[in-house]
Amino acid sequence: MRRLFFAFLMVFAVSAQADTRDPLSYFFQPKFGDFQAELQTAREQGKKGVFLFFEMDDCPFCERMRSTILNQSDVQDTYRALFLLYSIDVNGDTQMTDFQGTQTTEKAFALANRVRATPTMLFVDLDGKVVARQTGPTKDKAEFLLLGKYVADGAYATEPFIKYKQGK
């Protein structure tokens, strides 16, 4: 009986693990440093826009998002179908071009977008305009998925996310 129980636990652990994937490989896409070009790619691929995840090393809330939400295969598949997905280091000195074509660094880009806490998530429409912002982690996977639906459905144009959540 004990062996059967152990075997059951092993099967359950393997099946639960199969639903998670590394967010660096499966959630975020490699960025080429030119967000004007990324917008064009988003248009060509029929995406709703661009999702930016502003984070920094040693941020416990960023790590919680990565290890409990961004690593979930259904979250990855849903967000990848709707948006191009990029991580931005708020302390990074990597050179980049913003949505308006201005040369900048990741750090300066974060400051220009009023990122004061991590994680901060921005959704940018296909015209390069920020249409939704989430400062701090979402409560759970369901709330993160709802946030993506809120943006994809265009509900941001008529109501704030907090009100949108109440109706769901």
C-alpha atoms as a PDB file:
ATOM      1  CA  MET A   1       0.000   0.000   0.000  1.00  0.00           C
ATOM      2  CA  ARG A   2       2.835   2.330   0.893  1.00  0.00           C
ATOM      3  CA  ARG A   3       4.504   1.747  -2.502  1.00  0.00           C
ATOM      4  CA  LEU A   4       1.242   2.380  -4.302  1.00  0.00           C
ATOM      5  CA  PHE A   5       0.809   5.662  -2.440  1.00  0.00           C
ATOM      6  CA  PHE A   6       4.390   6.690  -3.275  1.00  0.00           C
ATOM      7  CA  ALA A   7       3.869   5.794  -6.947  1.00  0.00           C
ATOM      8  CA  PHE A   8       0.685   7.868  -6.998  1.00  0.00           C
ATOM      9  CA  LEU A   9       2.522  10.846  -5.520  1.00  0.00           C
ATOM     10  CA  MET A  10       5.291  10.547  -8.114  1.00  0.00           C
ATOM     11  CA  VAL A  11       2.789  10.444 -10.987  1.00  0.00           C
ATOM     12  CA  PHE A  12       0.950  13.449  -9.558  1.00  0.00           C
ATOM     13  CA  ALA A  13       4.199  15.392  -9.110  1.00  0.00           C
ATOM     14  CA  VAL A  14       5.283  14.695 -12.696  1.00  0.00           C
ATOM     15  CA  SER A  15       1.900  15.692 -14.135  1.00  0.00           C
ATOM     16  CA  ALA A  16       1.821  18.874 -12.067  1.00  0.00           C
ATOM     17  CA  GLN A  17       5.335  19.735 -13.209  1.00  0.00           C
ATOM     18  CA  ALA A  18       4.314  19.273 -16.854  1.00  0.00           C
ATOM     19  CA  ASP A  19       2.037  22.311 -16.582  1.00  0.00           C
ATOM     20  CA  THR A  20       4.935  24.651 -15.825  1.00  0.00           C
ATOM     21  CA  ARG A  21       7.682  25.942 -18.099  1.00  0.00           C
ATOM     22  CA  ASP A  22      10.584  28.306 -17.610  1.00  0.00           C
ATOM     23  CA  PRO A  23       9.306  31.893 -18.085  1.00  0.00           C
ATOM     24  CA  LEU A  24      12.619  33.024 -19.580  1.00  0.00           C
ATOM     25  CA  SER A  25      12.257  30.500 -22.388  1.00  0.00           C
ATOM     26  CA  TYR A  26       8.497  30.281 -22.820  1.00  0.00           C
ATOM     27  CA  PHE A  27       6.933  33.519 -21.607  1.00  0.00           C
ATOM     28  CA  PHE A  28       9.289  36.331 -22.542  1.00  0.00           C
ATOM     29  CA  GLN A  29      10.504  36.787 -26.072  1.00  0.00           C
ATOM     30  CA  PRO A  30      14.020  37.900 -26.936  1.00  0.00           C
ATOM     31  CA  LYS A  31      14.057  41.634 -27.548  1.00  0.00           C
ATOM     32  CA  PHE A  32      16.092  43.226 -30.267  1.00  0.00           C
ATOM     33  CA  GLY A  33      16.151  46.655 -28.675  1.00  0.00           C
ATOM     34  CA  ASP A  34      13.832  48.424 -31.120  1.00  0.00           C
ATOM     35  CA  PHE A  35      10.256  48.708 -29.908  1.00  0.00           C
ATOM     36  CA  GLN A  36       9.129  50.485 -33.086  1.00  0.00           C
ATOM     37  CA  ALA A  37      10.130  47.358 -35.006  1.00  0.00           C
ATOM     38  CA  GLU A  38       8.473  45.181 -32.351  1.00  0.00           C
ATOM     39  CA  LEU A  39       5.208  47.085 -32.878  1.00  0.00           C
ATOM     40  CA  GLN A  40       5.404  46.338 -36.587  1.00  0.00           C
ATOM     41  CA  THR A  41       5.969  42.668 -35.792  1.00  0.00           C
ATOM     42  CA  ALA A  42       2.954  42.703 -33.455  1.00  0.00           C
ATOM     43  CA  ARG A  43       0.790  44.183 -36.230  1.00  0.00           C
ATOM     44  CA  GLU A  44       2.014  41.611 -38.759  1.00  0.00           C
ATOM     45  CA  GLN A  45       1.320  38.747 -36.348  1.00  0.00           C
ATOM     46  CA  GLY A  46      -2.184  40.001 -35.498  1.00  0.00           C
ATOM     47  CA  LYS A  47      -1.365  40.659 -31.834  1.00  0.00           C
ATOM     48  CA  LYS A  48      -3.330  43.048 -29.636  1.00  0.00           C
ATOM     49  CA  GLY A  49      -0.159  44.859 -28.566  1.00  0.00           C
ATOM     50  CA  VAL A  50       2.979  44.558 -26.467  1.00  0.00           C
ATOM     51  CA  PHE A  51       3.236  43.491 -22.822  1.00  0.00           C
ATOM     52  CA  LEU A  52       6.161  44.899 -20.824  1.00  0.00           C
ATOM     53  CA  PHE A  53       7.201  43.403 -17.485  1.00  0.00           C
ATOM     54  CA  PHE A  54       9.447  45.856 -15.604  1.00  0.00           C
ATOM     55  CA  GLU A  55      11.513  44.021 -13.009  1.00  0.00           C
ATOM     56  CA  MET A  56      14.796  44.087 -11.150  1.00  0.00           C
ATOM     57  CA  ASP A  57      17.175  41.572  -9.634  1.00  0.00           C
ATOM     58  CA  ASP A  58      16.319  40.451  -6.100  1.00  0.00           C
ATOM     59  CA  CYS A  59      12.714  41.676  -6.327  1.00  0.00           C
ATOM     60  CA  PRO A  60      10.700  39.118  -4.316  1.00  0.00           C
ATOM     61  CA  PHE A  61       7.424  40.108  -6.000  1.00  0.00           C
ATOM     62  CA  CYS A  62       8.955  39.688  -9.474  1.00  0.00           C
ATOM     63  CA  GLU A  63      10.264  36.274  -8.452  1.00  0.00           C
ATOM     64  CA  ARG A  64       6.833  35.287  -7.105  1.00  0.00           C
ATOM     65  CA  MET A  65       5.230  36.274 -10.424  1.00  0.00           C
ATOM     66  CA  ARG A  66       7.826  34.239 -12.335  1.00  0.00           C
ATOM     67  CA  SER A  67       7.580  31.143 -10.126  1.00  0.00           C
ATOM     68  CA  THR A  68       3.803  30.991  -9.638  1.00  0.00           C
ATOM     69  CA  ILE A  69       2.191  32.694 -12.650  1.00  0.00           C
ATOM     70  CA  LEU A  70       4.530  33.384 -15.577  1.00  0.00           C
ATOM     71  CA  ASN A  71       5.756  29.781 -15.505  1.00  0.00           C
ATOM     72  CA  GLN A  72       2.267  28.334 -16.097  1.00  0.00           C
ATOM     73  CA  SER A  73       1.866  26.881 -19.591  1.00  0.00           C
ATOM     74  CA  ASP A  74      -1.722  28.104 -20.008  1.00  0.00           C
ATOM     75  CA  VAL A  75      -0.682  31.640 -19.020  1.00  0.00           C
ATOM     76  CA  GLN A  76       2.236  31.519 -21.447  1.00  0.00           C
ATOM     77  CA  ASP A  77       0.095  30.224 -24.303  1.00  0.00           C
ATOM     78  CA  THR A  78      -2.681  32.754 -23.678  1.00  0.00           C
ATOM     79  CA  TYR A  79      -0.402  35.782 -23.423  1.00  0.00           C
ATOM     80  CA  ARG A  80       1.776  34.715 -26.373  1.00  0.00           C
ATOM     81  CA  ALA A  81      -1.342  34.437 -28.545  1.00  0.00           C
ATOM     82  CA  LEU A  82      -2.381  38.000 -27.667  1.00  0.00           C
ATOM     83  CA  PHE A  83       0.800  40.022 -27.133  1.00  0.00           C
ATOM     84  CA  LEU A  84       4.502  40.251 -27.746  1.00  0.00           C
ATOM     85  CA  LEU A  85       6.077  39.817 -24.282  1.00  0.00           C
ATOM     86  CA  TYR A  86       9.210  41.544 -23.015  1.00  0.00           C
ATOM     87  CA  SER A  87      11.055  41.867 -19.742  1.00  0.00           C
ATOM     88  CA  ILE A  88      12.668  45.230 -18.931  1.00  0.00           C
ATOM     89  CA  ASP A  89      15.372  45.594 -16.262  1.00  0.00           C
ATOM     90  CA  VAL A  90      14.632  48.860 -14.410  1.00  0.00           C
ATOM     91  CA  ASN A  91      18.346  49.139 -13.582  1.00  0.00           C
ATOM     92  CA  GLY A  92      19.559  48.040 -17.006  1.00  0.00           C
ATOM     93  CA  ASP A  93      22.026  49.990 -19.108  1.00  0.00           C
ATOM     94  CA  THR A  94      21.178  48.086 -22.290  1.00  0.00           C
ATOM     95  CA  GLN A  95      20.653  50.459 -25.211  1.00  0.00           C
ATOM     96  CA  MET A  96      17.246  50.390 -26.865  1.00  0.00           C
ATOM     97  CA  THR A  97      14.851  52.374 -29.038  1.00  0.00           C
ATOM     98  CA  ASP A  98      11.499  53.262 -27.473  1.00  0.00           C
ATOM     99  CA  PHE A  99       8.091  53.243 -29.186  1.00  0.00           C
ATOM    100  CA  GLN A 100       8.623  56.808 -30.476  1.00  0.00           C
ATOM    101  CA  GLY A 101      12.025  56.002 -32.005  1.00  0.00           C
ATOM    102  CA  THR A 102      14.122  57.658 -29.293  1.00  0.00           C
ATOM    103  CA  GLN A 103      17.422  56.043 -28.298  1.00  0.00           C
ATOM    104  CA  THR A 104      17.476  55.285 -24.570  1.00  0.00           C
ATOM    105  CA  THR A 105      18.454  52.667 -21.986  1.00  0.00           C
ATOM    106  CA  GLU A 106      16.195  50.235 -20.159  1.00  0.00           C
ATOM    107  CA  LYS A 107      16.661  52.257 -16.956  1.00  0.00           C
ATOM    108  CA  ALA A 108      15.760  55.577 -18.623  1.00  0.00           C
ATOM    109  CA  PHE A 109      12.836  53.906 -20.424  1.00  0.00           C
ATOM    110  CA  ALA A 110      11.496  52.682 -17.072  1.00  0.00           C
ATOM    111  CA  LEU A 111      11.785  56.163 -15.564  1.00  0.00           C
ATOM    112  CA  ALA A 112      10.120  57.746 -18.609  1.00  0.00           C
ATOM    113  CA  ASN A 113       7.207  55.354 -18.106  1.00  0.00           C
ATOM    114  CA  ARG A 114       6.897  56.261 -14.408  1.00  0.00           C
ATOM    115  CA  VAL A 115       7.933  52.824 -13.190  1.00  0.00           C
ATOM    116  CA  ARG A 116       8.557  53.346  -9.490  1.00  0.00           C
ATOM    117  CA  ALA A 117       7.990  49.830  -8.157  1.00  0.00           C
ATOM    118  CA  THR A 118       8.542  46.316  -9.432  1.00  0.00           C
ATOM    119  CA  PRO A 119       6.983  44.511 -10.965  1.00  0.00           C
ATOM    120  CA  THR A 120       5.145  47.016 -13.108  1.00  0.00           C
ATOM    121  CA  MET A 121       3.309  45.673 -16.126  1.00  0.00           C
ATOM    122  CA  LEU A 122       2.433  47.869 -19.073  1.00  0.00           C
ATOM    123  CA  PHE A 123       0.245  46.999 -22.014  1.00  0.00           C
ATOM    124  CA  VAL A 124       1.008  49.001 -25.138  1.00  0.00           C
ATOM    125  CA  ASP A 125      -1.387  49.151 -28.075  1.00  0.00           C
ATOM    126  CA  LEU A 126      -0.336  48.828 -31.712  1.00  0.00           C
ATOM    127  CA  ASP A 127       0.141  52.603 -31.944  1.00  0.00           C
ATOM    128  CA  GLY A 128       2.720  52.589 -29.124  1.00  0.00           C
ATOM    129  CA  LYS A 129       0.364  54.046 -26.512  1.00  0.00           C
ATOM    130  CA  VAL A 130       0.225  52.639 -22.966  1.00  0.00           C
ATOM    131  CA  VAL A 131      -3.366  51.490 -22.460  1.00  0.00           C
ATOM    132  CA  ALA A 132      -3.151  49.622 -19.147  1.00  0.00           C
ATOM    133  CA  ARG A 133      -0.813  49.494 -16.162  1.00  0.00           C
ATOM    134  CA  GLN A 134      -0.552  47.093 -13.241  1.00  0.00           C
ATOM    135  CA  THR A 135       1.819  48.124 -10.491  1.00  0.00           C
ATOM    136  CA  GLY A 136       2.755  45.241  -8.237  1.00  0.00           C
ATOM    137  CA  PRO A 137       2.059  41.550  -8.675  1.00  0.00           C
ATOM    138  CA  THR A 138      -1.344  40.175  -9.465  1.00  0.00           C
ATOM    139  CA  LYS A 139      -3.002  38.183  -6.714  1.00  0.00           C
ATOM    140  CA  ASP A 140      -2.912  34.924  -8.648  1.00  0.00           C
ATOM    141  CA  LYS A 141      -2.979  33.305 -12.064  1.00  0.00           C
ATOM    142  CA  ALA A 142      -6.701  33.934 -12.545  1.00  0.00           C
ATOM    143  CA  GLU A 143      -6.284  37.668 -11.964  1.00  0.00           C
ATOM    144  CA  PHE A 144      -3.323  37.797 -14.371  1.00  0.00           C
ATOM    145  CA  LEU A 145      -5.329  36.008 -17.065  1.00  0.00           C
ATOM    146  CA  LEU A 146      -8.240  38.375 -16.449  1.00  0.00           C
ATOM    147  CA  LEU A 147      -5.876  41.341 -16.834  1.00  0.00           C
ATOM    148  CA  GLY A 148      -4.839  40.055 -20.258  1.00  0.00           C
ATOM    149  CA  LYS A 149      -8.483  39.559 -21.251  1.00  0.00           C
ATOM    150  CA  TYR A 150      -9.304  43.075 -20.031  1.00  0.00           C
ATOM    151  CA  VAL A 151      -6.719  44.526 -22.408  1.00  0.00           C
ATOM    152  CA  ALA A 152      -7.376  42.155 -25.322  1.00  0.00           C
ATOM    153  CA  ASP A 153     -11.120  42.877 -25.204  1.00  0.00           C
ATOM    154  CA  GLY A 154     -10.508  46.644 -25.106  1.00  0.00           C
ATOM    155  CA  ALA A 155     -12.340  47.054 -21.794  1.00  0.00           C
ATOM    156  CA  TYR A 156      -9.609  49.495 -20.678  1.00  0.00           C
ATOM    157  CA  ALA A 157     -11.292  52.109 -22.896  1.00  0.00           C
ATOM    158  CA  THR A 158     -14.456  52.143 -20.773  1.00  0.00           C
ATOM    159  CA  GLU A 159     -13.535  51.174 -17.218  1.00  0.00           C
ATOM    160  CA  PRO A 160     -10.594  50.682 -14.855  1.00  0.00           C
ATOM    161  CA  PHE A 161      -9.398  47.139 -14.228  1.00  0.00           C
ATOM    162  CA  ILE A 162     -10.592  47.150 -10.617  1.00  0.00           C
ATOM    163  CA  LYS A 163     -14.162  47.765 -11.769  1.00  0.00           C
ATOM    164  CA  TYR A 164     -13.815  45.234 -14.565  1.00  0.00           C
ATOM    165  CA  LYS A 165     -12.743  42.578 -12.021  1.00  0.00           C
ATOM    166  CA  GLN A 166     -15.814  43.210  -9.903  1.00  0.00           C
ATOM    167  CA  GLY A 167     -18.089  42.375 -12.820  1.00  0.00           C
ATOM    168  CA  LYS A 168     -16.389  39.039 -13.500  1.00  0.00           C
END
